[in-house]
Amino acid sequence: MAYQEINSETMDRWCAAGWEWGKPLSHETYLRAQRGEWDVLLTPTKPVPHEWFGDLKGKRVLGLASGGGQQIPVFAALGARCTLLDYSAAQCRSDREVAAREGYEVEVIQGDMTKRFPFPDGAFDLIFHPVSNCYIEEVEPVFRECFRVLRPGGAFLGGYDTGVNYLFDDDETAVAYRLPFNPLKDPELYRRSMENDWGIQFSHTLEEQIGGQLKAGFRLLALYEDTNGSGNLHEHNVPSFVATYCVKPAEAAQGFDGLGRQKTEVTV
């Protein structure tokens, strides 16, 4: 079985067991969002600054691996036209259920973000991508696809695990593993991952993640760090996540080739 299929099934089990990130928002929270009282998360604890979004009314928003009925309903309440791409059936089902309950339309696609996205070039004004690329082995192809499907001037908001969490044991008191954390290249780590129902997870460096976005052609405008929200590392204020606000340059349609390389003829 491909590791993507393993992770999809693992997340479905986590949701059935009450996983925090699989619990859809309440009707009351949706109504508050309609009144302009809202926050969403890219990382465990810090709300995303509202200025990173701008006015979402009428905007085309892609929730990339953003299923669970938590963020997409907020964007819909704010007037966005939303699409979800997520490979967990349970996460997709939560978003469909919230949309049916609240009476808005959403396009929900159960799909794999490691494959070419099923959207045309420039289809979206904003991509919202919470912490999830820790479940895929190669991140740069995802950033290239995000660049492709955003319109010039569009925003890409992402949350990322910095890799620190993958060093430690369950109590976060002792270094138990070495980086990079990749069960596909370590049979013993693969065995532990399957036995403990971790799914197949991967550490990624900031060079891969922030550098990968820049290489794809994005411009980084802002970022912030975050902790786990609980546990020993959190108590020691260790930043283990980062959120980034990037844009596809307005001149990208003619000025960049999608791999971050500037073309010889540029019209701005």
C-alpha atoms as a PDB file:
ATOM      1  CA  MET A   1       0.000   0.000   0.000  1.00  0.00           C
ATOM      2  CA  ALA A   2       1.308   3.460  -0.870  1.00  0.00           C
ATOM      3  CA  TYR A   3       2.110   5.624   2.136  1.00  0.00           C
ATOM      4  CA  GLN A   4      -0.529   8.142   0.991  1.00  0.00           C
ATOM      5  CA  GLU A   5      -3.211   5.449   1.311  1.00  0.00           C
ATOM      6  CA  ILE A   6      -1.895   4.488   4.739  1.00  0.00           C
ATOM      7  CA  ASN A   7      -2.110   8.103   5.895  1.00  0.00           C
ATOM      8  CA  SER A   8      -5.601   8.552   4.499  1.00  0.00           C
ATOM      9  CA  GLU A   9      -6.854   5.508   6.407  1.00  0.00           C
ATOM     10  CA  THR A  10      -4.937   6.547   9.539  1.00  0.00           C
ATOM     11  CA  MET A  11      -6.573   9.981   9.573  1.00  0.00           C
ATOM     12  CA  ASP A  12      -9.992   8.405   9.145  1.00  0.00           C
ATOM     13  CA  ARG A  13      -9.330   6.318  12.270  1.00  0.00           C
ATOM     14  CA  TRP A  14      -8.086   9.359  14.181  1.00  0.00           C
ATOM     15  CA  CYS A  15     -11.263  11.250  13.261  1.00  0.00           C
ATOM     16  CA  ALA A  16     -13.451   8.360  14.410  1.00  0.00           C
ATOM     17  CA  ALA A  17     -11.579   8.419  17.733  1.00  0.00           C
ATOM     18  CA  GLY A  18     -12.238  12.134  18.234  1.00  0.00           C
ATOM     19  CA  TRP A  19      -9.110  13.730  16.729  1.00  0.00           C
ATOM     20  CA  GLU A  20      -8.974  17.463  17.528  1.00  0.00           C
ATOM     21  CA  TRP A  21      -8.464  18.440  13.897  1.00  0.00           C
ATOM     22  CA  GLY A  22     -11.401  16.350  12.721  1.00  0.00           C
ATOM     23  CA  LYS A  23     -14.112  18.000  14.831  1.00  0.00           C
ATOM     24  CA  PRO A  24     -16.279  20.371  12.757  1.00  0.00           C
ATOM     25  CA  LEU A  25     -17.141  23.797  14.103  1.00  0.00           C
ATOM     26  CA  SER A  26     -20.470  24.437  15.761  1.00  0.00           C
ATOM     27  CA  HIS A  27     -23.462  26.270  14.330  1.00  0.00           C
ATOM     28  CA  GLU A  28     -22.838  29.056  16.856  1.00  0.00           C
ATOM     29  CA  THR A  29     -19.237  29.467  15.675  1.00  0.00           C
ATOM     30  CA  TYR A  30     -20.437  29.675  12.071  1.00  0.00           C
ATOM     31  CA  LEU A  31     -22.944  32.402  12.980  1.00  0.00           C
ATOM     32  CA  ARG A  32     -20.240  34.368  14.799  1.00  0.00           C
ATOM     33  CA  ALA A  33     -18.051  34.167  11.700  1.00  0.00           C
ATOM     34  CA  GLN A  34     -20.908  35.624   9.646  1.00  0.00           C
ATOM     35  CA  ARG A  35     -20.932  38.546  12.099  1.00  0.00           C
ATOM     36  CA  GLY A  36     -17.196  39.042  11.598  1.00  0.00           C
ATOM     37  CA  GLU A  37     -16.094  37.302  14.805  1.00  0.00           C
ATOM     38  CA  TRP A  38     -13.673  34.603  13.674  1.00  0.00           C
ATOM     39  CA  ASP A  39     -10.197  33.122  13.813  1.00  0.00           C
ATOM     40  CA  VAL A  40      -8.560  30.178  12.052  1.00  0.00           C
ATOM     41  CA  LEU A  41      -5.353  28.247  12.694  1.00  0.00           C
ATOM     42  CA  LEU A  42      -2.477  27.207  10.450  1.00  0.00           C
ATOM     43  CA  THR A  43      -0.497  25.913  13.448  1.00  0.00           C
ATOM     44  CA  PRO A  44      -1.607  24.582  16.859  1.00  0.00           C
ATOM     45  CA  THR A  45      -2.314  27.749  18.869  1.00  0.00           C
ATOM     46  CA  LYS A  46      -1.777  31.128  17.177  1.00  0.00           C
ATOM     47  CA  PRO A  47      -4.636  32.563  15.102  1.00  0.00           C
ATOM     48  CA  VAL A  48      -3.688  33.702  11.609  1.00  0.00           C
ATOM     49  CA  PRO A  49      -3.601  37.515  11.325  1.00  0.00           C
ATOM     50  CA  HIS A  50      -6.737  38.713   9.559  1.00  0.00           C
ATOM     51  CA  GLU A  51      -4.708  41.051   7.374  1.00  0.00           C
ATOM     52  CA  TRP A  52      -3.140  38.026   5.692  1.00  0.00           C
ATOM     53  CA  PHE A  53      -6.575  37.301   4.148  1.00  0.00           C
ATOM     54  CA  GLY A  54      -7.917  40.678   3.144  1.00  0.00           C
ATOM     55  CA  ASP A  55     -11.575  40.789   2.122  1.00  0.00           C
ATOM     56  CA  LEU A  56     -12.645  37.233   1.278  1.00  0.00           C
ATOM     57  CA  LYS A  57     -16.055  38.106  -0.165  1.00  0.00           C
ATOM     58  CA  GLY A  58     -16.299  36.600  -3.634  1.00  0.00           C
ATOM     59  CA  LYS A  59     -12.730  35.275  -3.508  1.00  0.00           C
ATOM     60  CA  ARG A  60     -11.901  31.777  -4.755  1.00  0.00           C
ATOM     61  CA  VAL A  61     -10.299  29.896  -1.863  1.00  0.00           C
ATOM     62  CA  LEU A  62      -8.627  26.481  -1.952  1.00  0.00           C
ATOM     63  CA  GLY A  63      -8.350  24.639   1.352  1.00  0.00           C
ATOM     64  CA  LEU A  64      -5.366  22.383   0.721  1.00  0.00           C
ATOM     65  CA  ALA A  65      -5.384  19.409   3.136  1.00  0.00           C
ATOM     66  CA  SER A  66      -7.709  21.633   5.170  1.00  0.00           C
ATOM     67  CA  GLY A  67     -10.567  19.213   5.767  1.00  0.00           C
ATOM     68  CA  GLY A  68     -12.406  18.623   9.018  1.00  0.00           C
ATOM     69  CA  GLY A  69     -15.084  21.309   8.839  1.00  0.00           C
ATOM     70  CA  GLN A  70     -13.120  23.910  10.778  1.00  0.00           C
ATOM     71  CA  GLN A  71     -11.630  26.472   8.385  1.00  0.00           C
ATOM     72  CA  ILE A  72     -13.585  26.163   5.137  1.00  0.00           C
ATOM     73  CA  PRO A  73     -16.912  26.961   6.890  1.00  0.00           C
ATOM     74  CA  VAL A  74     -15.391  30.188   8.242  1.00  0.00           C
ATOM     75  CA  PHE A  75     -14.260  31.248   4.784  1.00  0.00           C
ATOM     76  CA  ALA A  76     -17.704  30.419   3.396  1.00  0.00           C
ATOM     77  CA  ALA A  77     -19.325  32.475   6.159  1.00  0.00           C
ATOM     78  CA  LEU A  78     -17.131  35.399   5.076  1.00  0.00           C
ATOM     79  CA  GLY A  79     -18.419  35.121   1.516  1.00  0.00           C
ATOM     80  CA  ALA A  80     -15.637  33.133  -0.161  1.00  0.00           C
ATOM     81  CA  ARG A  81     -16.222  30.558  -2.885  1.00  0.00           C
ATOM     82  CA  CYS A  82     -14.517  27.507  -1.450  1.00  0.00           C
ATOM     83  CA  THR A  83     -12.927  24.320  -2.717  1.00  0.00           C
ATOM     84  CA  LEU A  84     -11.421  21.616  -0.498  1.00  0.00           C
ATOM     85  CA  LEU A  85      -8.760  19.094  -1.526  1.00  0.00           C
ATOM     86  CA  ASP A  86      -8.033  16.506   1.169  1.00  0.00           C
ATOM     87  CA  TYR A  87      -7.238  12.797   1.041  1.00  0.00           C
ATOM     88  CA  SER A  88      -9.098  11.784   4.198  1.00  0.00           C
ATOM     89  CA  ALA A  89     -12.640  10.599   3.514  1.00  0.00           C
ATOM     90  CA  ALA A  90     -13.660  11.476   7.079  1.00  0.00           C
ATOM     91  CA  GLN A  91     -12.246  14.997   6.815  1.00  0.00           C
ATOM     92  CA  CYS A  92     -14.071  15.545   3.531  1.00  0.00           C
ATOM     93  CA  ARG A  93     -17.296  14.204   5.006  1.00  0.00           C
ATOM     94  CA  SER A  94     -17.122  16.709   7.888  1.00  0.00           C
ATOM     95  CA  ASP A  95     -16.931  19.615   5.446  1.00  0.00           C
ATOM     96  CA  ARG A  96     -19.851  18.321   3.410  1.00  0.00           C
ATOM     97  CA  GLU A  97     -21.921  17.910   6.564  1.00  0.00           C
ATOM     98  CA  VAL A  98     -21.229  21.441   7.792  1.00  0.00           C
ATOM     99  CA  ALA A  99     -22.044  22.877   4.357  1.00  0.00           C
ATOM    100  CA  ALA A 100     -25.362  20.989   4.310  1.00  0.00           C
ATOM    101  CA  ARG A 101     -26.156  22.126   7.850  1.00  0.00           C
ATOM    102  CA  GLU A 102     -25.410  25.801   7.162  1.00  0.00           C
ATOM    103  CA  GLY A 103     -26.721  25.934   3.599  1.00  0.00           C
ATOM    104  CA  TYR A 104     -23.700  27.036   1.586  1.00  0.00           C
ATOM    105  CA  GLU A 105     -22.019  25.457  -1.424  1.00  0.00           C
ATOM    106  CA  VAL A 106     -18.525  23.972  -1.321  1.00  0.00           C
ATOM    107  CA  GLU A 107     -16.623  21.835  -3.790  1.00  0.00           C
ATOM    108  CA  VAL A 108     -15.119  18.901  -1.884  1.00  0.00           C
ATOM    109  CA  ILE A 109     -12.541  16.734  -3.636  1.00  0.00           C
ATOM    110  CA  GLN A 110     -11.008  13.721  -1.949  1.00  0.00           C
ATOM    111  CA  GLY A 111      -7.603  13.714  -3.566  1.00  0.00           C
ATOM    112  CA  ASP A 112      -3.864  13.447  -3.063  1.00  0.00           C
ATOM    113  CA  MET A 113      -1.845  16.671  -3.005  1.00  0.00           C
ATOM    114  CA  THR A 114       1.288  14.772  -4.045  1.00  0.00           C
ATOM    115  CA  LYS A 115      -0.330  14.459  -7.491  1.00  0.00           C
ATOM    116  CA  ARG A 116      -1.029  17.223 -10.005  1.00  0.00           C
ATOM    117  CA  PHE A 117      -3.910  19.320  -8.676  1.00  0.00           C
ATOM    118  CA  PRO A 118      -7.184  18.873 -10.616  1.00  0.00           C
ATOM    119  CA  PHE A 119      -7.499  22.613 -11.284  1.00  0.00           C
ATOM    120  CA  PRO A 120      -6.541  24.924 -14.157  1.00  0.00           C
ATOM    121  CA  ASP A 121      -3.804  27.539 -13.937  1.00  0.00           C
ATOM    122  CA  GLY A 122      -4.733  30.646 -11.934  1.00  0.00           C
ATOM    123  CA  ALA A 123      -7.938  29.132 -10.537  1.00  0.00           C
ATOM    124  CA  PHE A 124      -7.699  30.574  -7.002  1.00  0.00           C
ATOM    125  CA  ASP A 125      -7.195  33.867  -5.208  1.00  0.00           C
ATOM    126  CA  LEU A 126      -5.988  32.282  -1.966  1.00  0.00           C
ATOM    127  CA  ILE A 127      -4.702  28.883  -0.794  1.00  0.00           C
ATOM    128  CA  PHE A 128      -5.003  27.936   2.881  1.00  0.00           C
ATOM    129  CA  HIS A 129      -2.690  25.060   3.805  1.00  0.00           C
ATOM    130  CA  PRO A 130      -2.604  24.107   7.532  1.00  0.00           C
ATOM    131  CA  VAL A 131       0.087  21.804   8.927  1.00  0.00           C
ATOM    132  CA  SER A 132      -0.134  18.695   6.760  1.00  0.00           C
ATOM    133  CA  ASN A 133       2.948  18.347   4.587  1.00  0.00           C
ATOM    134  CA  CYS A 134       4.480  16.307   7.411  1.00  0.00           C
ATOM    135  CA  TYR A 135       2.426  13.482   5.853  1.00  0.00           C
ATOM    136  CA  ILE A 136       4.134  13.682   2.461  1.00  0.00           C
ATOM    137  CA  GLU A 137       7.704  12.857   1.503  1.00  0.00           C
ATOM    138  CA  GLU A 138       8.414  15.542  -1.111  1.00  0.00           C
ATOM    139  CA  VAL A 139       7.154  19.079  -0.554  1.00  0.00           C
ATOM    140  CA  GLU A 140       8.579  21.066  -3.472  1.00  0.00           C
ATOM    141  CA  PRO A 141       6.139  19.597  -6.043  1.00  0.00           C
ATOM    142  CA  VAL A 142       3.255  20.774  -3.843  1.00  0.00           C
ATOM    143  CA  PHE A 143       4.608  24.324  -3.782  1.00  0.00           C
ATOM    144  CA  ARG A 144       4.983  24.308  -7.555  1.00  0.00           C
ATOM    145  CA  GLU A 145       1.382  23.199  -7.949  1.00  0.00           C
ATOM    146  CA  CYS A 146       0.201  25.888  -5.508  1.00  0.00           C
ATOM    147  CA  PHE A 147       2.081  28.473  -7.567  1.00  0.00           C
ATOM    148  CA  ARG A 148       0.465  27.188 -10.746  1.00  0.00           C
ATOM    149  CA  VAL A 149      -3.147  27.255  -9.554  1.00  0.00           C
ATOM    150  CA  LEU A 150      -2.926  30.685  -7.880  1.00  0.00           C
ATOM    151  CA  ARG A 151      -3.659  33.773  -9.919  1.00  0.00           C
ATOM    152  CA  PRO A 152      -0.864  36.379 -10.111  1.00  0.00           C
ATOM    153  CA  GLY A 153      -1.113  38.420  -6.917  1.00  0.00           C
ATOM    154  CA  GLY A 154      -2.796  35.549  -5.058  1.00  0.00           C
ATOM    155  CA  ALA A 155      -1.887  34.584  -1.479  1.00  0.00           C
ATOM    156  CA  PHE A 156      -0.542  31.288  -0.168  1.00  0.00           C
ATOM    157  CA  LEU A 157      -0.889  30.782   3.608  1.00  0.00           C
ATOM    158  CA  GLY A 158       0.798  27.697   5.051  1.00  0.00           C
ATOM    159  CA  GLY A 159       1.614  26.048   8.381  1.00  0.00           C
ATOM    160  CA  TYR A 160       4.640  23.780   8.786  1.00  0.00           C
ATOM    161  CA  ASP A 161       6.269  21.511  11.368  1.00  0.00           C
ATOM    162  CA  THR A 162       9.927  22.545  11.670  1.00  0.00           C
ATOM    163  CA  GLY A 163      11.107  18.991  12.429  1.00  0.00           C
ATOM    164  CA  VAL A 164      11.874  19.529  16.118  1.00  0.00           C
ATOM    165  CA  ASN A 165       8.993  17.290  17.217  1.00  0.00           C
ATOM    166  CA  TYR A 166      10.438  14.311  15.356  1.00  0.00           C
ATOM    167  CA  LEU A 167      13.589  14.278  17.484  1.00  0.00           C
ATOM    168  CA  PHE A 168      11.929  13.427  20.787  1.00  0.00           C
ATOM    169  CA  ASP A 169      10.253  10.513  22.522  1.00  0.00           C
ATOM    170  CA  ASP A 170       6.565  10.593  23.451  1.00  0.00           C
ATOM    171  CA  ASP A 171       7.277  12.480  26.706  1.00  0.00           C
ATOM    172  CA  GLU A 172       9.381  15.062  24.850  1.00  0.00           C
ATOM    173  CA  THR A 173      12.152  14.630  27.408  1.00  0.00           C
ATOM    174  CA  ALA A 174      14.794  12.669  25.502  1.00  0.00           C
ATOM    175  CA  VAL A 175      16.150  12.746  21.982  1.00  0.00           C
ATOM    176  CA  ALA A 176      15.054   9.407  20.522  1.00  0.00           C
ATOM    177  CA  TYR A 177      15.368   9.836  16.751  1.00  0.00           C
ATOM    178  CA  ARG A 178      17.617  11.517  14.242  1.00  0.00           C
ATOM    179  CA  LEU A 179      16.670  13.760  11.383  1.00  0.00           C
ATOM    180  CA  PRO A 180      15.478  13.469   8.737  1.00  0.00           C
ATOM    181  CA  PHE A 181      12.599  11.389  10.078  1.00  0.00           C
ATOM    182  CA  ASN A 182      11.574   9.207   7.147  1.00  0.00           C
ATOM    183  CA  PRO A 183      10.035   5.766   7.773  1.00  0.00           C
ATOM    184  CA  LEU A 184      10.303   4.911   4.080  1.00  0.00           C
ATOM    185  CA  LYS A 185      14.085   4.855   4.446  1.00  0.00           C
ATOM    186  CA  ASP A 186      14.255   3.221   7.885  1.00  0.00           C
ATOM    187  CA  PRO A 187      12.568  -0.205   8.313  1.00  0.00           C
ATOM    188  CA  GLU A 188      12.618  -0.009  12.115  1.00  0.00           C
ATOM    189  CA  LEU A 189      11.043   3.437  12.077  1.00  0.00           C
ATOM    190  CA  TYR A 190       8.419   2.178   9.625  1.00  0.00           C
ATOM    191  CA  ARG A 191       7.619  -0.708  11.987  1.00  0.00           C
ATOM    192  CA  ARG A 192       7.230   1.661  14.951  1.00  0.00           C
ATOM    193  CA  SER A 193       5.072   4.012  12.921  1.00  0.00           C
ATOM    194  CA  MET A 194       2.675   1.247  11.965  1.00  0.00           C
ATOM    195  CA  GLU A 195       2.589  -0.302  15.452  1.00  0.00           C
ATOM    196  CA  ASN A 196       1.841   3.057  17.099  1.00  0.00           C
ATOM    197  CA  ASP A 197      -0.686   4.184  14.460  1.00  0.00           C
ATOM    198  CA  TRP A 198       1.347   7.311  13.689  1.00  0.00           C
ATOM    199  CA  GLY A 199       0.741   7.040   9.994  1.00  0.00           C
ATOM    200  CA  ILE A 200       3.798   7.610   7.811  1.00  0.00           C
ATOM    201  CA  GLN A 201       5.169  10.999   8.778  1.00  0.00           C
ATOM    202  CA  PHE A 202       8.185  12.948   7.552  1.00  0.00           C
ATOM    203  CA  SER A 203      10.303  15.738   8.960  1.00  0.00           C
ATOM    204  CA  HIS A 204      11.141  18.619   6.647  1.00  0.00           C
ATOM    205  CA  THR A 205      13.704  21.374   7.012  1.00  0.00           C
ATOM    206  CA  LEU A 206      13.020  25.078   6.665  1.00  0.00           C
ATOM    207  CA  GLU A 207      15.263  24.931   3.624  1.00  0.00           C
ATOM    208  CA  GLU A 208      12.784  22.500   2.058  1.00  0.00           C
ATOM    209  CA  GLN A 209       9.696  24.373   3.180  1.00  0.00           C
ATOM    210  CA  ILE A 210      10.429  28.098   3.087  1.00  0.00           C
ATOM    211  CA  GLY A 211      13.185  27.636   0.532  1.00  0.00           C
ATOM    212  CA  GLY A 212      10.875  25.439  -1.518  1.00  0.00           C
ATOM    213  CA  GLN A 213       8.243  28.167  -1.670  1.00  0.00           C
ATOM    214  CA  LEU A 214      10.811  30.730  -2.786  1.00  0.00           C
ATOM    215  CA  LYS A 215      12.164  28.325  -5.379  1.00  0.00           C
ATOM    216  CA  ALA A 216       8.641  27.852  -6.738  1.00  0.00           C
ATOM    217  CA  GLY A 217       8.465  31.594  -7.346  1.00  0.00           C
ATOM    218  CA  PHE A 218       6.627  32.860  -4.249  1.00  0.00           C
ATOM    219  CA  ARG A 219       7.548  36.013  -2.360  1.00  0.00           C
ATOM    220  CA  LEU A 220       7.589  35.669   1.423  1.00  0.00           C
ATOM    221  CA  LEU A 221       5.870  38.622   3.108  1.00  0.00           C
ATOM    222  CA  ALA A 222       5.517  37.521   6.736  1.00  0.00           C
ATOM    223  CA  LEU A 223       5.844  34.580   9.125  1.00  0.00           C
ATOM    224  CA  TYR A 224       5.388  33.661  12.759  1.00  0.00           C
ATOM    225  CA  GLU A 225       6.430  30.763  15.007  1.00  0.00           C
ATOM    226  CA  ASP A 226       4.243  28.619  17.245  1.00  0.00           C
ATOM    227  CA  THR A 227       4.599  25.867  19.852  1.00  0.00           C
ATOM    228  CA  ASN A 228       2.846  22.520  20.258  1.00  0.00           C
ATOM    229  CA  GLY A 229       0.312  24.047  22.632  1.00  0.00           C
ATOM    230  CA  SER A 230       1.013  21.480  25.346  1.00  0.00           C
ATOM    231  CA  GLY A 231       3.761  19.137  26.539  1.00  0.00           C
ATOM    232  CA  ASN A 232       7.370  19.566  27.599  1.00  0.00           C
ATOM    233  CA  LEU A 233       8.537  21.454  24.510  1.00  0.00           C
ATOM    234  CA  HIS A 234       5.625  23.873  24.839  1.00  0.00           C
ATOM    235  CA  GLU A 235       6.376  24.417  28.524  1.00  0.00           C
ATOM    236  CA  HIS A 236       9.930  25.364  27.540  1.00  0.00           C
ATOM    237  CA  ASN A 237       8.563  27.690  24.843  1.00  0.00           C
ATOM    238  CA  VAL A 238      10.269  25.763  22.049  1.00  0.00           C
ATOM    239  CA  PRO A 239       8.955  26.924  18.652  1.00  0.00           C
ATOM    240  CA  SER A 240       8.163  23.793  16.686  1.00  0.00           C
ATOM    241  CA  PHE A 241       5.936  25.235  13.949  1.00  0.00           C
ATOM    242  CA  VAL A 242       6.074  28.142  11.549  1.00  0.00           C
ATOM    243  CA  ALA A 243       3.337  29.818   9.505  1.00  0.00           C
ATOM    244  CA  THR A 244       4.138  31.737   6.332  1.00  0.00           C
ATOM    245  CA  TYR A 245       2.347  34.336   4.229  1.00  0.00           C
ATOM    246  CA  CYS A 246       3.504  34.270   0.613  1.00  0.00           C
ATOM    247  CA  VAL A 247       2.188  35.780  -2.598  1.00  0.00           C
ATOM    248  CA  LYS A 248       2.523  34.880  -6.237  1.00  0.00           C
ATOM    249  CA  PRO A 249       4.070  37.983  -7.806  1.00  0.00           C
ATOM    250  CA  ALA A 250       1.736  40.020  -9.985  1.00  0.00           C
ATOM    251  CA  GLU A 251       4.271  39.765 -12.804  1.00  0.00           C
ATOM    252  CA  ALA A 252       4.432  35.974 -12.461  1.00  0.00           C
ATOM    253  CA  ALA A 253       2.273  35.392 -15.520  1.00  0.00           C
ATOM    254  CA  GLN A 254       5.136  36.620 -17.707  1.00  0.00           C
ATOM    255  CA  GLY A 255       8.060  37.111 -15.367  1.00  0.00           C
ATOM    256  CA  PHE A 256       8.568  33.671 -13.829  1.00  0.00           C
ATOM    257  CA  ASP A 257       8.576  30.151 -15.194  1.00  0.00           C
ATOM    258  CA  GLY A 258       6.954  28.521 -12.130  1.00  0.00           C
ATOM    259  CA  LEU A 259      10.290  27.208 -10.822  1.00  0.00           C
ATOM    260  CA  GLY A 260      11.366  30.562  -9.426  1.00  0.00           C
ATOM    261  CA  ARG A 261      13.590  31.298 -12.439  1.00  0.00           C
ATOM    262  CA  GLN A 262      13.102  34.712 -13.978  1.00  0.00           C
ATOM    263  CA  LYS A 263      12.494  34.813 -17.701  1.00  0.00           C
ATOM    264  CA  THR A 264      14.573  36.988 -19.947  1.00  0.00           C
ATOM    265  CA  GLU A 265      11.595  39.115 -21.033  1.00  0.00           C
ATOM    266  CA  VAL A 266       9.531  40.616 -18.244  1.00  0.00           C
ATOM    267  CA  THR A 267       6.472  42.818 -18.495  1.00  0.00           C
ATOM    268  CA  VAL A 268       5.370  44.383 -15.218  1.00  0.00           C
END
